[in-house]
Protein backbone atom coordinates (compact mmCIF):
# COMPACT_ATOMS: atom_id res chain seq x y z
CA MET A 1 76.88 -165.35 -178.44
CA LEU A 2 75.57 -161.89 -177.71
CA LYS A 3 78.77 -160.32 -179.16
CA LYS A 4 78.31 -162.35 -182.38
CA MET A 5 74.64 -161.28 -182.71
CA TRP A 6 75.60 -157.64 -182.27
CA TYR A 7 78.10 -158.04 -185.04
CA VAL A 8 75.34 -159.62 -187.27
CA TYR A 9 73.08 -156.72 -186.25
CA THR A 10 75.70 -154.16 -187.30
CA VAL A 11 76.07 -155.79 -190.71
CA TYR A 12 72.29 -155.54 -190.98
CA GLU A 13 72.33 -151.94 -190.06
CA GLU A 14 75.30 -150.95 -192.40
CA LYS A 15 74.19 -153.30 -195.21
CA SER A 16 77.86 -153.86 -195.84
CA PHE A 17 80.36 -156.15 -194.36
CA SER A 18 83.24 -153.63 -194.92
CA LYS A 19 81.30 -150.66 -193.40
CA ALA A 20 80.25 -152.90 -190.47
CA ALA A 21 83.88 -154.07 -189.87
CA LYS A 22 85.18 -150.49 -189.77
CA ARG A 23 82.44 -149.52 -187.24
CA LEU A 24 83.19 -152.48 -185.11
CA PHE A 25 86.91 -152.07 -185.35
CA VAL A 26 87.54 -155.54 -186.67
CA SER A 27 88.81 -156.89 -189.95
CA GLN A 28 86.33 -157.63 -192.62
CA PRO A 29 87.44 -161.22 -193.07
CA SER A 30 87.03 -161.97 -189.40
CA LEU A 31 83.54 -160.38 -189.35
CA SER A 32 82.50 -162.34 -192.38
CA ALA A 33 83.78 -165.54 -190.67
CA MET A 34 81.89 -164.68 -187.50
CA VAL A 35 78.62 -164.14 -189.41
CA LYS A 36 79.14 -167.43 -191.22
CA LYS A 37 79.63 -169.17 -187.89
CA VAL A 38 76.39 -167.79 -186.62
CA GLU A 39 74.67 -168.87 -189.75
CA SER A 40 76.13 -172.38 -189.37
CA ASP A 41 75.13 -172.47 -185.70
CA TYR A 42 71.61 -171.81 -186.56
CA ASP A 43 71.59 -173.65 -189.90
CA ILE A 44 70.17 -170.52 -191.70
CA THR A 45 71.50 -167.91 -194.20
CA ILE A 46 71.00 -164.48 -192.83
CA PHE A 47 72.24 -162.27 -195.70
CA ASP A 48 71.97 -162.48 -199.43
CA ARG A 49 75.48 -161.67 -200.44
CA THR A 50 74.72 -161.52 -204.14
CA THR A 51 73.10 -158.10 -203.88
CA THR A 52 74.75 -154.67 -203.35
CA PRO A 53 73.96 -153.51 -200.75
CA ILE A 54 73.58 -156.90 -199.10
CA SER A 55 70.06 -157.74 -197.98
CA LEU A 56 68.44 -160.08 -195.60
CA THR A 57 67.12 -163.49 -196.71
CA PRO A 58 63.64 -164.56 -195.71
CA GLU A 59 65.25 -166.33 -192.68
CA GLY A 60 67.29 -163.24 -191.77
CA CYS A 61 63.96 -161.18 -191.89
CA LEU A 62 62.66 -163.30 -189.14
CA LEU A 63 65.54 -162.12 -186.93
CA TYR A 64 65.09 -158.39 -187.50
CA THR A 65 61.62 -157.65 -188.70
CA SER A 66 58.09 -158.39 -187.36
CA ASP A 67 54.73 -158.15 -188.96
């Protein structure tokens, strides 16, 4: 699970699935599938994919930000 969370964090840092995939040396479709798997496992949506660059949902903010 640690590897999957590292991939999710890289997408968060890059604000782009394609840039994160290049940085991680994986294909963009496999990275996207892995992120969706993490979201499914935790029953949350981490990224708002309707914006460019992508952004965190309120649930995703709980993972990567603190008050």
